[in-house]
Amino acid sequence: MGATVAAALIFGPARRRLRAVEDAARRLGGGDLTARAPERGGDEVAAVAAAFNSMATDLAARADALATSDRSRRQLLADVSHELTTPMTALRGYLETLRMPELQLDEATRERYLDIMNDETGRLERIIGDLLDLARLEGGGGAFAIADVAVADLFNRVLARHERTSQEAGVSFTTSVEPGADAIIGDRDRLEQALQNLAANALRFAPAGSAIDLSARREEGAVVLTVTDAGPGIPAEHLDHVFDRFYKVEGSRALHARSATNGSGLGLSIVRAIVERHGGEISVASEPGRTVFTLRFATPSAGDEDSASAPDVP
């Protein structure tokens, strides 16, 4: 009897804690991701409980990540469907109108309908092309030709590309490259694409008579590029989302946009993907009358210049 009582006193608490671990395991297996086992005791049972809890926490985190990924995938599909449906609906409507035998259209109206259809076709091509481009960038696909890229050359190509549009809008460009910020290591075409997208975005909102500034400076081991416009600004609640796919900024900035230069809604997402593939960072700051997009690219230290001094991109 004494041995029985002693065994109950010695092993009873451990048996109860083992049952608590077993119960937590059953609850976790049943889908309760909050199930945890008590870790008191400081013995082997407590170690088993701690290992179980660590596993349960990891499973819960993975489940949350999968749920978030699934929501993002569903949202992306909905956004893509919406963006593709809009031009497709317009194309179908005008095509059906043109094919109606009982409807007599004058030549000017017919040409106007055909011009609209051509614009919508171009819009479809841009959306599909940008989606493919973004998928390659975010998926790590597409080889980068890494070399020293002159910042002044990038700025000059941006100015040449948007010269006509800026003249029509009454907007000028200014550029400045400070000493030590005259080159970036990266893919010339992709870096230019990022700056072209930012310049096109700035042109949508810059008021007539203002200037868009492209500048480069050296700052704490990095080359920092900025694109600044004097538009109405981005409302604070939208700043954290401007790089999201298809995100639409409502408010004063959207109202002041030039509709003739509307893009696919993926331009800023592509810019972020390009910058991140180069190991850089991008940010935006905005207030009424001033919006600044900042691209920061790390530069190699002096001891690394003789080695492969390119960013870690495939």
C-alpha atoms as a PDB file:
ATOM      1  CA  MET A   1       0.000   0.000   0.000  1.00  0.00           C
ATOM      2  CA  GLY A   2       2.846   2.347   0.810  1.00  0.00           C
ATOM      3  CA  ALA A   3       4.478   1.646  -2.535  1.00  0.00           C
ATOM      4  CA  THR A   4       1.171   2.281  -4.307  1.00  0.00           C
ATOM      5  CA  VAL A   5       0.670   5.598  -2.522  1.00  0.00           C
ATOM      6  CA  ALA A   6       4.279   6.606  -3.204  1.00  0.00           C
ATOM      7  CA  ALA A   7       3.926   5.732  -6.899  1.00  0.00           C
ATOM      8  CA  ALA A   8       0.717   7.758  -7.144  1.00  0.00           C
ATOM      9  CA  LEU A   9       2.369  10.746  -5.494  1.00  0.00           C
ATOM     10  CA  ILE A  10       5.498  10.512  -7.635  1.00  0.00           C
ATOM     11  CA  PHE A  11       4.087   9.604 -11.049  1.00  0.00           C
ATOM     12  CA  GLY A  12       0.554  11.038 -10.788  1.00  0.00           C
ATOM     13  CA  PRO A  13       1.462  14.636 -11.751  1.00  0.00           C
ATOM     14  CA  ALA A  14       3.597  13.423 -14.655  1.00  0.00           C
ATOM     15  CA  ARG A  15       0.757  11.194 -15.869  1.00  0.00           C
ATOM     16  CA  ARG A  16      -1.679  14.118 -15.742  1.00  0.00           C
ATOM     17  CA  ARG A  17       0.698  16.352 -17.682  1.00  0.00           C
ATOM     18  CA  LEU A  18       1.188  13.587 -20.270  1.00  0.00           C
ATOM     19  CA  ARG A  19      -2.587  13.369 -20.611  1.00  0.00           C
ATOM     20  CA  ALA A  20      -2.666  17.171 -21.086  1.00  0.00           C
ATOM     21  CA  VAL A  21      -0.108  16.822 -23.902  1.00  0.00           C
ATOM     22  CA  GLU A  22      -2.186  14.012 -25.398  1.00  0.00           C
ATOM     23  CA  ASP A  23      -5.328  16.132 -25.177  1.00  0.00           C
ATOM     24  CA  ALA A  24      -3.583  19.075 -26.830  1.00  0.00           C
ATOM     25  CA  ALA A  25      -2.358  16.786 -29.624  1.00  0.00           C
ATOM     26  CA  ARG A  26      -5.905  15.522 -30.214  1.00  0.00           C
ATOM     27  CA  ARG A  27      -7.246  19.083 -30.358  1.00  0.00           C
ATOM     28  CA  LEU A  28      -4.500  20.136 -32.760  1.00  0.00           C
ATOM     29  CA  GLY A  29      -5.217  17.126 -34.939  1.00  0.00           C
ATOM     30  CA  GLY A  30      -8.877  18.129 -34.931  1.00  0.00           C
ATOM     31  CA  GLY A  31      -8.038  21.555 -36.346  1.00  0.00           C
ATOM     32  CA  ASP A  32      -7.714  23.664 -33.196  1.00  0.00           C
ATOM     33  CA  LEU A  33      -4.512  25.597 -33.960  1.00  0.00           C
ATOM     34  CA  THR A  34      -4.653  27.319 -30.571  1.00  0.00           C
ATOM     35  CA  ALA A  35      -4.146  24.032 -28.669  1.00  0.00           C
ATOM     36  CA  ARG A  36      -1.118  24.118 -26.377  1.00  0.00           C
ATOM     37  CA  ALA A  37       0.237  21.800 -23.685  1.00  0.00           C
ATOM     38  CA  PRO A  38       1.282  22.959 -20.170  1.00  0.00           C
ATOM     39  CA  GLU A  39       5.072  23.263 -19.901  1.00  0.00           C
ATOM     40  CA  ARG A  40       5.408  23.279 -16.118  1.00  0.00           C
ATOM     41  CA  GLY A  41       7.686  20.852 -14.295  1.00  0.00           C
ATOM     42  CA  GLY A  42      11.128  21.295 -15.830  1.00  0.00           C
ATOM     43  CA  ASP A  43      11.475  17.558 -16.588  1.00  0.00           C
ATOM     44  CA  GLU A  44      11.235  15.368 -19.719  1.00  0.00           C
ATOM     45  CA  VAL A  45       7.457  15.799 -19.863  1.00  0.00           C
ATOM     46  CA  ALA A  46       7.884  19.577 -19.849  1.00  0.00           C
ATOM     47  CA  ALA A  47      10.460  19.238 -22.653  1.00  0.00           C
ATOM     48  CA  VAL A  48       7.993  17.189 -24.708  1.00  0.00           C
ATOM     49  CA  ALA A  49       5.286  19.794 -24.058  1.00  0.00           C
ATOM     50  CA  ALA A  50       7.619  22.626 -25.108  1.00  0.00           C
ATOM     51  CA  ALA A  51       8.536  20.796 -28.323  1.00  0.00           C
ATOM     52  CA  PHE A  52       4.853  20.183 -29.042  1.00  0.00           C
ATOM     53  CA  ASN A  53       3.989  23.834 -28.446  1.00  0.00           C
ATOM     54  CA  SER A  54       6.812  24.950 -30.732  1.00  0.00           C
ATOM     55  CA  MET A  55       5.513  22.640 -33.447  1.00  0.00           C
ATOM     56  CA  ALA A  56       1.942  23.879 -32.938  1.00  0.00           C
ATOM     57  CA  THR A  57       3.060  27.514 -33.184  1.00  0.00           C
ATOM     58  CA  ASP A  58       4.935  26.778 -36.411  1.00  0.00           C
ATOM     59  CA  LEU A  59       1.921  24.990 -37.883  1.00  0.00           C
ATOM     60  CA  ALA A  60      -0.345  27.894 -36.948  1.00  0.00           C
ATOM     61  CA  ALA A  61       2.042  30.374 -38.585  1.00  0.00           C
ATOM     62  CA  ARG A  62       2.178  28.284 -41.751  1.00  0.00           C
ATOM     63  CA  ALA A  63      -1.586  27.985 -41.809  1.00  0.00           C
ATOM     64  CA  ASP A  64      -1.905  31.767 -41.489  1.00  0.00           C
ATOM     65  CA  ALA A  65       0.628  32.252 -44.274  1.00  0.00           C
ATOM     66  CA  LEU A  66      -1.257  29.837 -46.532  1.00  0.00           C
ATOM     67  CA  ALA A  67      -4.545  31.590 -45.775  1.00  0.00           C
ATOM     68  CA  THR A  68      -2.994  34.966 -46.551  1.00  0.00           C
ATOM     69  CA  SER A  69      -1.488  33.617 -49.756  1.00  0.00           C
ATOM     70  CA  ASP A  70      -4.824  32.159 -50.787  1.00  0.00           C
ATOM     71  CA  ARG A  71      -6.601  35.465 -50.133  1.00  0.00           C
ATOM     72  CA  SER A  72      -3.954  37.305 -52.146  1.00  0.00           C
ATOM     73  CA  ARG A  73      -4.303  34.831 -54.993  1.00  0.00           C
ATOM     74  CA  ARG A  74      -8.074  35.189 -55.042  1.00  0.00           C
ATOM     75  CA  GLN A  75      -7.806  38.977 -54.901  1.00  0.00           C
ATOM     76  CA  LEU A  76      -5.266  38.981 -57.728  1.00  0.00           C
ATOM     77  CA  LEU A  77      -7.517  36.800 -59.881  1.00  0.00           C
ATOM     78  CA  ALA A  78     -10.440  39.123 -59.180  1.00  0.00           C
ATOM     79  CA  ASP A  79      -8.342  42.191 -60.023  1.00  0.00           C
ATOM     80  CA  VAL A  80      -6.977  40.662 -63.220  1.00  0.00           C
ATOM     81  CA  SER A  81     -10.451  39.563 -64.280  1.00  0.00           C
ATOM     82  CA  HIS A  82     -11.810  43.053 -63.674  1.00  0.00           C
ATOM     83  CA  GLU A  83      -8.985  44.788 -65.536  1.00  0.00           C
ATOM     84  CA  LEU A  84      -9.303  42.456 -68.532  1.00  0.00           C
ATOM     85  CA  THR A  85     -13.098  42.512 -68.586  1.00  0.00           C
ATOM     86  CA  THR A  86     -13.341  46.306 -68.910  1.00  0.00           C
ATOM     87  CA  PRO A  87     -11.599  46.608 -72.306  1.00  0.00           C
ATOM     88  CA  MET A  88     -13.089  43.331 -73.500  1.00  0.00           C
ATOM     89  CA  THR A  89     -16.607  44.607 -72.775  1.00  0.00           C
ATOM     90  CA  ALA A  90     -15.907  47.823 -74.676  1.00  0.00           C
ATOM     91  CA  LEU A  91     -14.473  45.908 -77.632  1.00  0.00           C
ATOM     92  CA  ARG A  92     -17.418  43.569 -77.807  1.00  0.00           C
ATOM     93  CA  GLY A  93     -19.941  46.399 -77.539  1.00  0.00           C
ATOM     94  CA  TYR A  94     -18.445  48.454 -80.356  1.00  0.00           C
ATOM     95  CA  LEU A  95     -17.887  45.381 -82.522  1.00  0.00           C
ATOM     96  CA  GLU A  96     -21.532  44.335 -82.182  1.00  0.00           C
ATOM     97  CA  THR A  97     -22.584  47.884 -83.012  1.00  0.00           C
ATOM     98  CA  LEU A  98     -20.462  47.935 -86.171  1.00  0.00           C
ATOM     99  CA  ARG A  99     -21.901  44.601 -87.275  1.00  0.00           C
ATOM    100  CA  MET A 100     -25.548  45.662 -86.945  1.00  0.00           C
ATOM    101  CA  PRO A 101     -26.872  45.752 -90.549  1.00  0.00           C
ATOM    102  CA  GLU A 102     -29.872  47.907 -89.660  1.00  0.00           C
ATOM    103  CA  LEU A 103     -27.673  50.640 -88.146  1.00  0.00           C
ATOM    104  CA  GLN A 104     -26.370  53.208 -90.610  1.00  0.00           C
ATOM    105  CA  LEU A 105     -23.218  54.896 -89.339  1.00  0.00           C
ATOM    106  CA  ASP A 106     -21.528  57.828 -90.984  1.00  0.00           C
ATOM    107  CA  GLU A 107     -17.836  57.518 -91.757  1.00  0.00           C
ATOM    108  CA  ALA A 108     -16.726  59.817 -88.909  1.00  0.00           C
ATOM    109  CA  THR A 109     -18.645  57.786 -86.302  1.00  0.00           C
ATOM    110  CA  ARG A 110     -17.305  54.522 -87.699  1.00  0.00           C
ATOM    111  CA  GLU A 111     -13.745  55.826 -87.521  1.00  0.00           C
ATOM    112  CA  ARG A 112     -14.296  57.009 -83.953  1.00  0.00           C
ATOM    113  CA  TYR A 113     -15.547  53.550 -82.952  1.00  0.00           C
ATOM    114  CA  LEU A 114     -12.560  51.916 -84.637  1.00  0.00           C
ATOM    115  CA  ASP A 115     -10.177  54.290 -82.820  1.00  0.00           C
ATOM    116  CA  ILE A 116     -11.756  53.371 -79.486  1.00  0.00           C
ATOM    117  CA  MET A 117     -11.430  49.672 -80.298  1.00  0.00           C
ATOM    118  CA  ASN A 118      -7.783  50.200 -81.203  1.00  0.00           C
ATOM    119  CA  ASP A 119      -7.162  51.989 -77.883  1.00  0.00           C
ATOM    120  CA  GLU A 120      -8.853  49.189 -75.922  1.00  0.00           C
ATOM    121  CA  THR A 121      -6.800  46.583 -77.783  1.00  0.00           C
ATOM    122  CA  GLY A 122      -3.635  48.449 -76.837  1.00  0.00           C
ATOM    123  CA  ARG A 123      -4.812  48.570 -73.239  1.00  0.00           C
ATOM    124  CA  LEU A 124      -5.294  44.790 -73.237  1.00  0.00           C
ATOM    125  CA  GLU A 125      -1.810  44.296 -74.639  1.00  0.00           C
ATOM    126  CA  ARG A 126      -0.289  46.538 -71.952  1.00  0.00           C
ATOM    127  CA  ILE A 127      -2.103  44.772 -69.122  1.00  0.00           C
ATOM    128  CA  ILE A 128      -1.123  41.310 -70.348  1.00  0.00           C
ATOM    129  CA  GLY A 129       2.463  42.392 -71.039  1.00  0.00           C
ATOM    130  CA  ASP A 130       2.819  44.003 -67.622  1.00  0.00           C
ATOM    131  CA  LEU A 131       1.346  40.946 -65.901  1.00  0.00           C
ATOM    132  CA  LEU A 132       3.846  38.670 -67.634  1.00  0.00           C
ATOM    133  CA  ASP A 133       6.671  41.068 -66.846  1.00  0.00           C
ATOM    134  CA  LEU A 134       5.701  41.262 -63.172  1.00  0.00           C
ATOM    135  CA  ALA A 135       5.373  37.468 -62.928  1.00  0.00           C
ATOM    136  CA  ARG A 136       8.893  37.013 -64.332  1.00  0.00           C
ATOM    137  CA  LEU A 137      10.389  39.623 -62.008  1.00  0.00           C
ATOM    138  CA  GLU A 138       8.705  38.405 -58.831  1.00  0.00           C
ATOM    139  CA  GLY A 139       9.339  34.767 -59.732  1.00  0.00           C
ATOM    140  CA  GLY A 140      13.062  35.356 -60.185  1.00  0.00           C
ATOM    141  CA  GLY A 141      12.915  34.681 -63.926  1.00  0.00           C
ATOM    142  CA  GLY A 142      14.593  36.633 -66.669  1.00  0.00           C
ATOM    143  CA  ALA A 143      18.353  37.026 -66.728  1.00  0.00           C
ATOM    144  CA  PHE A 144      19.824  40.394 -65.741  1.00  0.00           C
ATOM    145  CA  ALA A 145      22.818  41.782 -67.655  1.00  0.00           C
ATOM    146  CA  ILE A 146      24.798  43.267 -64.777  1.00  0.00           C
ATOM    147  CA  ALA A 147      27.198  46.114 -65.509  1.00  0.00           C
ATOM    148  CA  ASP A 148      28.132  49.620 -64.416  1.00  0.00           C
ATOM    149  CA  VAL A 149      25.292  51.893 -65.515  1.00  0.00           C
ATOM    150  CA  ALA A 150      25.789  55.650 -65.845  1.00  0.00           C
ATOM    151  CA  VAL A 151      23.020  57.472 -63.994  1.00  0.00           C
ATOM    152  CA  ALA A 152      23.242  60.495 -66.314  1.00  0.00           C
ATOM    153  CA  ASP A 153      22.581  58.217 -69.302  1.00  0.00           C
ATOM    154  CA  LEU A 154      19.508  56.798 -67.584  1.00  0.00           C
ATOM    155  CA  PHE A 155      18.179  60.289 -66.901  1.00  0.00           C
ATOM    156  CA  ASN A 156      18.849  61.404 -70.485  1.00  0.00           C
ATOM    157  CA  ARG A 157      16.948  58.429 -71.893  1.00  0.00           C
ATOM    158  CA  VAL A 158      13.996  59.211 -69.623  1.00  0.00           C
ATOM    159  CA  LEU A 159      13.973  62.807 -70.871  1.00  0.00           C
ATOM    160  CA  ALA A 160      14.158  61.705 -74.509  1.00  0.00           C
ATOM    161  CA  ARG A 161      11.365  59.185 -74.060  1.00  0.00           C
ATOM    162  CA  HIS A 162       8.953  61.665 -72.467  1.00  0.00           C
ATOM    163  CA  GLU A 163      10.013  64.821 -74.315  1.00  0.00           C
ATOM    164  CA  ARG A 164       6.919  65.076 -76.493  1.00  0.00           C
ATOM    165  CA  THR A 165       4.449  64.173 -73.742  1.00  0.00           C
ATOM    166  CA  SER A 166       5.989  66.644 -71.311  1.00  0.00           C
ATOM    167  CA  GLN A 167       5.877  69.422 -73.892  1.00  0.00           C
ATOM    168  CA  GLU A 168       2.212  68.761 -74.575  1.00  0.00           C
ATOM    169  CA  ALA A 169       1.504  68.806 -70.834  1.00  0.00           C
ATOM    170  CA  GLY A 170       3.526  71.975 -70.251  1.00  0.00           C
ATOM    171  CA  VAL A 171       5.799  70.148 -67.799  1.00  0.00           C
ATOM    172  CA  SER A 172       9.599  70.322 -67.782  1.00  0.00           C
ATOM    173  CA  PHE A 173      12.273  67.975 -66.445  1.00  0.00           C
ATOM    174  CA  THR A 174      15.303  68.844 -64.326  1.00  0.00           C
ATOM    175  CA  THR A 175      18.177  66.480 -63.490  1.00  0.00           C
ATOM    176  CA  SER A 176      21.094  66.490 -61.072  1.00  0.00           C
ATOM    177  CA  VAL A 177      23.794  63.924 -60.324  1.00  0.00           C
ATOM    178  CA  GLU A 178      25.998  64.577 -57.304  1.00  0.00           C
ATOM    179  CA  PRO A 179      29.627  63.389 -57.122  1.00  0.00           C
ATOM    180  CA  GLY A 180      29.889  59.737 -56.145  1.00  0.00           C
ATOM    181  CA  ALA A 181      26.409  58.931 -57.453  1.00  0.00           C
ATOM    182  CA  ASP A 182      27.251  58.799 -61.144  1.00  0.00           C
ATOM    183  CA  ALA A 183      26.925  55.004 -61.569  1.00  0.00           C
ATOM    184  CA  ILE A 184      24.856  52.045 -60.402  1.00  0.00           C
ATOM    185  CA  ILE A 185      25.664  48.372 -60.727  1.00  0.00           C
ATOM    186  CA  GLY A 186      22.710  46.621 -62.342  1.00  0.00           C
ATOM    187  CA  ASP A 187      20.773  45.839 -65.488  1.00  0.00           C
ATOM    188  CA  ARG A 188      20.635  48.930 -67.702  1.00  0.00           C
ATOM    189  CA  ASP A 189      17.318  48.112 -69.372  1.00  0.00           C
ATOM    190  CA  ARG A 190      15.519  47.217 -66.149  1.00  0.00           C
ATOM    191  CA  LEU A 191      16.811  50.272 -64.311  1.00  0.00           C
ATOM    192  CA  GLU A 192      15.689  52.456 -67.180  1.00  0.00           C
ATOM    193  CA  GLN A 193      12.287  50.735 -67.156  1.00  0.00           C
ATOM    194  CA  ALA A 194      11.875  51.568 -63.457  1.00  0.00           C
ATOM    195  CA  LEU A 195      12.727  55.243 -64.007  1.00  0.00           C
ATOM    196  CA  GLN A 196      10.552  55.430 -67.131  1.00  0.00           C
ATOM    197  CA  ASN A 197       7.579  54.102 -65.175  1.00  0.00           C
ATOM    198  CA  LEU A 198       8.126  56.601 -62.375  1.00  0.00           C
ATOM    199  CA  ALA A 199       8.494  59.476 -64.834  1.00  0.00           C
ATOM    200  CA  ALA A 200       5.320  58.444 -66.664  1.00  0.00           C
ATOM    201  CA  ASN A 201       3.495  58.266 -63.342  1.00  0.00           C
ATOM    202  CA  ALA A 202       4.743  61.742 -62.380  1.00  0.00           C
ATOM    203  CA  LEU A 203       3.636  63.147 -65.749  1.00  0.00           C
ATOM    204  CA  ARG A 204       0.109  61.956 -65.093  1.00  0.00           C
ATOM    205  CA  PHE A 205      -0.201  64.270 -62.113  1.00  0.00           C
ATOM    206  CA  ALA A 206       2.290  67.121 -62.536  1.00  0.00           C
ATOM    207  CA  PRO A 207       0.432  70.398 -63.210  1.00  0.00           C
ATOM    208  CA  ALA A 208       1.232  72.528 -66.221  1.00  0.00           C
ATOM    209  CA  GLY A 209       4.102  74.912 -65.584  1.00  0.00           C
ATOM    210  CA  SER A 210       5.747  72.641 -62.989  1.00  0.00           C
ATOM    211  CA  ALA A 211       8.909  70.537 -63.203  1.00  0.00           C
ATOM    212  CA  ILE A 212       9.667  66.882 -62.533  1.00  0.00           C
ATOM    213  CA  ASP A 213      13.056  66.454 -60.874  1.00  0.00           C
ATOM    214  CA  LEU A 214      15.316  63.443 -61.367  1.00  0.00           C
ATOM    215  CA  SER A 215      18.232  63.434 -58.950  1.00  0.00           C
ATOM    216  CA  ALA A 216      20.982  61.149 -57.711  1.00  0.00           C
ATOM    217  CA  ARG A 217      23.073  61.445 -54.572  1.00  0.00           C
ATOM    218  CA  ARG A 218      25.483  59.327 -52.531  1.00  0.00           C
ATOM    219  CA  GLU A 219      24.261  58.519 -49.046  1.00  0.00           C
ATOM    220  CA  GLU A 220      25.783  56.112 -46.489  1.00  0.00           C
ATOM    221  CA  GLY A 221      27.181  53.566 -48.919  1.00  0.00           C
ATOM    222  CA  ALA A 222      24.266  53.768 -51.323  1.00  0.00           C
ATOM    223  CA  VAL A 223      23.275  55.578 -54.476  1.00  0.00           C
ATOM    224  CA  VAL A 224      19.878  57.196 -53.964  1.00  0.00           C
ATOM    225  CA  LEU A 225      17.716  58.149 -56.944  1.00  0.00           C
ATOM    226  CA  THR A 226      14.620  60.307 -56.518  1.00  0.00           C
ATOM    227  CA  VAL A 227      11.764  61.255 -58.826  1.00  0.00           C
ATOM    228  CA  THR A 228       9.854  64.282 -57.571  1.00  0.00           C
ATOM    229  CA  ASP A 229       6.692  65.864 -58.961  1.00  0.00           C
ATOM    230  CA  ALA A 230       4.578  68.835 -57.881  1.00  0.00           C
ATOM    231  CA  GLY A 231       1.220  67.117 -58.200  1.00  0.00           C
ATOM    232  CA  PRO A 232      -1.632  67.218 -55.673  1.00  0.00           C
ATOM    233  CA  GLY A 233      -0.061  64.488 -53.544  1.00  0.00           C
ATOM    234  CA  ILE A 234      -1.113  61.018 -52.435  1.00  0.00           C
ATOM    235  CA  PRO A 235      -3.488  60.795 -49.448  1.00  0.00           C
ATOM    236  CA  ALA A 236      -1.742  59.351 -46.395  1.00  0.00           C
ATOM    237  CA  GLU A 237      -4.052  56.327 -46.199  1.00  0.00           C
ATOM    238  CA  HIS A 238      -2.918  55.220 -49.665  1.00  0.00           C
ATOM    239  CA  LEU A 239       0.848  55.526 -49.247  1.00  0.00           C
ATOM    240  CA  ASP A 240       1.292  51.977 -47.923  1.00  0.00           C
ATOM    241  CA  HIS A 241      -0.542  50.522 -50.924  1.00  0.00           C
ATOM    242  CA  VAL A 242       0.676  52.447 -53.968  1.00  0.00           C
ATOM    243  CA  PHE A 243       2.987  49.580 -54.982  1.00  0.00           C
ATOM    244  CA  ASP A 244       0.214  46.962 -54.819  1.00  0.00           C
ATOM    245  CA  ARG A 245      -1.078  45.502 -58.063  1.00  0.00           C
ATOM    246  CA  PHE A 246      -4.052  47.362 -59.555  1.00  0.00           C
ATOM    247  CA  TYR A 247      -4.361  49.560 -56.456  1.00  0.00           C
ATOM    248  CA  LYS A 248      -6.419  52.640 -57.301  1.00  0.00           C
ATOM    249  CA  VAL A 249      -5.669  55.898 -55.514  1.00  0.00           C
ATOM    250  CA  GLU A 250      -8.844  57.849 -54.974  1.00  0.00           C
ATOM    251  CA  GLY A 251      -9.018  61.494 -54.024  1.00  0.00           C
ATOM    252  CA  SER A 252      -7.352  64.613 -55.320  1.00  0.00           C
ATOM    253  CA  ARG A 253      -4.405  62.908 -57.021  1.00  0.00           C
ATOM    254  CA  ALA A 254      -6.687  60.610 -59.031  1.00  0.00           C
ATOM    255  CA  LEU A 255      -8.960  63.507 -59.972  1.00  0.00           C
ATOM    256  CA  HIS A 256      -6.008  65.457 -61.358  1.00  0.00           C
ATOM    257  CA  ALA A 257      -4.641  62.556 -63.417  1.00  0.00           C
ATOM    258  CA  ARG A 258      -4.427  62.960 -67.180  1.00  0.00           C
ATOM    259  CA  SER A 259      -6.727  60.165 -68.400  1.00  0.00           C
ATOM    260  CA  ALA A 260      -4.996  60.043 -71.764  1.00  0.00           C
ATOM    261  CA  THR A 261      -1.887  58.591 -70.140  1.00  0.00           C
ATOM    262  CA  ASN A 262      -3.564  56.046 -67.882  1.00  0.00           C
ATOM    263  CA  GLY A 263      -1.476  52.904 -67.513  1.00  0.00           C
ATOM    264  CA  SER A 264      -2.219  49.298 -66.689  1.00  0.00           C
ATOM    265  CA  GLY A 265      -2.204  49.825 -62.912  1.00  0.00           C
ATOM    266  CA  LEU A 266       0.919  47.673 -62.619  1.00  0.00           C
ATOM    267  CA  GLY A 267       3.653  50.226 -63.275  1.00  0.00           C
ATOM    268  CA  LEU A 268       4.609  50.894 -59.653  1.00  0.00           C
ATOM    269  CA  SER A 269       4.443  47.179 -58.829  1.00  0.00           C
ATOM    270  CA  ILE A 270       6.940  46.532 -61.622  1.00  0.00           C
ATOM    271  CA  VAL A 271       9.196  49.317 -60.337  1.00  0.00           C
ATOM    272  CA  ARG A 272       9.252  47.755 -56.860  1.00  0.00           C
ATOM    273  CA  ALA A 273      10.006  44.313 -58.304  1.00  0.00           C
ATOM    274  CA  ILE A 274      12.912  45.689 -60.362  1.00  0.00           C
ATOM    275  CA  VAL A 275      14.389  47.570 -57.413  1.00  0.00           C
ATOM    276  CA  GLU A 276      14.090  44.577 -55.088  1.00  0.00           C
ATOM    277  CA  ARG A 277      15.657  42.252 -57.689  1.00  0.00           C
ATOM    278  CA  HIS A 278      18.639  44.606 -57.572  1.00  0.00           C
ATOM    279  CA  GLY A 279      18.788  44.280 -53.787  1.00  0.00           C
ATOM    280  CA  GLY A 280      17.523  47.828 -53.382  1.00  0.00           C
ATOM    281  CA  GLU A 281      14.680  49.540 -51.575  1.00  0.00           C
ATOM    282  CA  ILE A 282      11.923  51.859 -52.764  1.00  0.00           C
ATOM    283  CA  SER A 283       9.756  54.241 -50.774  1.00  0.00           C
ATOM    284  CA  VAL A 284       7.394  57.154 -51.342  1.00  0.00           C
ATOM    285  CA  ALA A 285       6.679  60.336 -49.393  1.00  0.00           C
ATOM    286  CA  SER A 286       3.905  62.717 -50.339  1.00  0.00           C
ATOM    287  CA  GLU A 287       2.150  65.891 -49.334  1.00  0.00           C
ATOM    288  CA  PRO A 288       0.037  68.361 -51.326  1.00  0.00           C
ATOM    289  CA  GLY A 289       2.264  69.834 -54.015  1.00  0.00           C
ATOM    290  CA  ARG A 290       5.140  67.377 -53.631  1.00  0.00           C
ATOM    291  CA  THR A 291       5.498  63.618 -54.131  1.00  0.00           C
ATOM    292  CA  VAL A 292       8.906  61.911 -53.967  1.00  0.00           C
ATOM    293  CA  PHE A 293       9.696  58.335 -54.992  1.00  0.00           C
ATOM    294  CA  THR A 294      13.064  57.235 -53.584  1.00  0.00           C
ATOM    295  CA  LEU A 295      15.143  54.322 -54.905  1.00  0.00           C
ATOM    296  CA  ARG A 296      18.118  53.224 -52.817  1.00  0.00           C
ATOM    297  CA  PHE A 297      20.807  50.931 -54.283  1.00  0.00           C
ATOM    298  CA  ALA A 298      23.679  49.641 -52.162  1.00  0.00           C
ATOM    299  CA  THR A 299      27.178  50.147 -53.569  1.00  0.00           C
ATOM    300  CA  PRO A 300      30.173  47.862 -52.961  1.00  0.00           C
ATOM    301  CA  SER A 301      32.853  48.906 -50.515  1.00  0.00           C
ATOM    302  CA  ALA A 302      36.363  49.599 -51.716  1.00  0.00           C
ATOM    303  CA  GLY A 303      37.509  46.132 -50.687  1.00  0.00           C
ATOM    304  CA  ASP A 304      34.809  44.505 -52.771  1.00  0.00           C
ATOM    305  CA  GLU A 305      35.404  46.376 -56.016  1.00  0.00           C
ATOM    306  CA  ASP A 306      37.781  43.776 -57.437  1.00  0.00           C
ATOM    307  CA  SER A 307      35.304  40.994 -56.795  1.00  0.00           C
ATOM    308  CA  ALA A 308      31.989  40.361 -58.483  1.00  0.00           C
ATOM    309  CA  SER A 309      30.495  43.630 -57.373  1.00  0.00           C
ATOM    310  CA  ALA A 310      27.037  43.039 -58.803  1.00  0.00           C
ATOM    311  CA  PRO A 311      23.858  42.756 -56.784  1.00  0.00           C
ATOM    312  CA  ASP A 312      22.593  39.287 -56.037  1.00  0.00           C
ATOM    313  CA  VAL A 313      20.300  38.818 -59.038  1.00  0.00           C
ATOM    314  CA  PRO A 314      20.015  35.812 -61.358  1.00  0.00           C
END
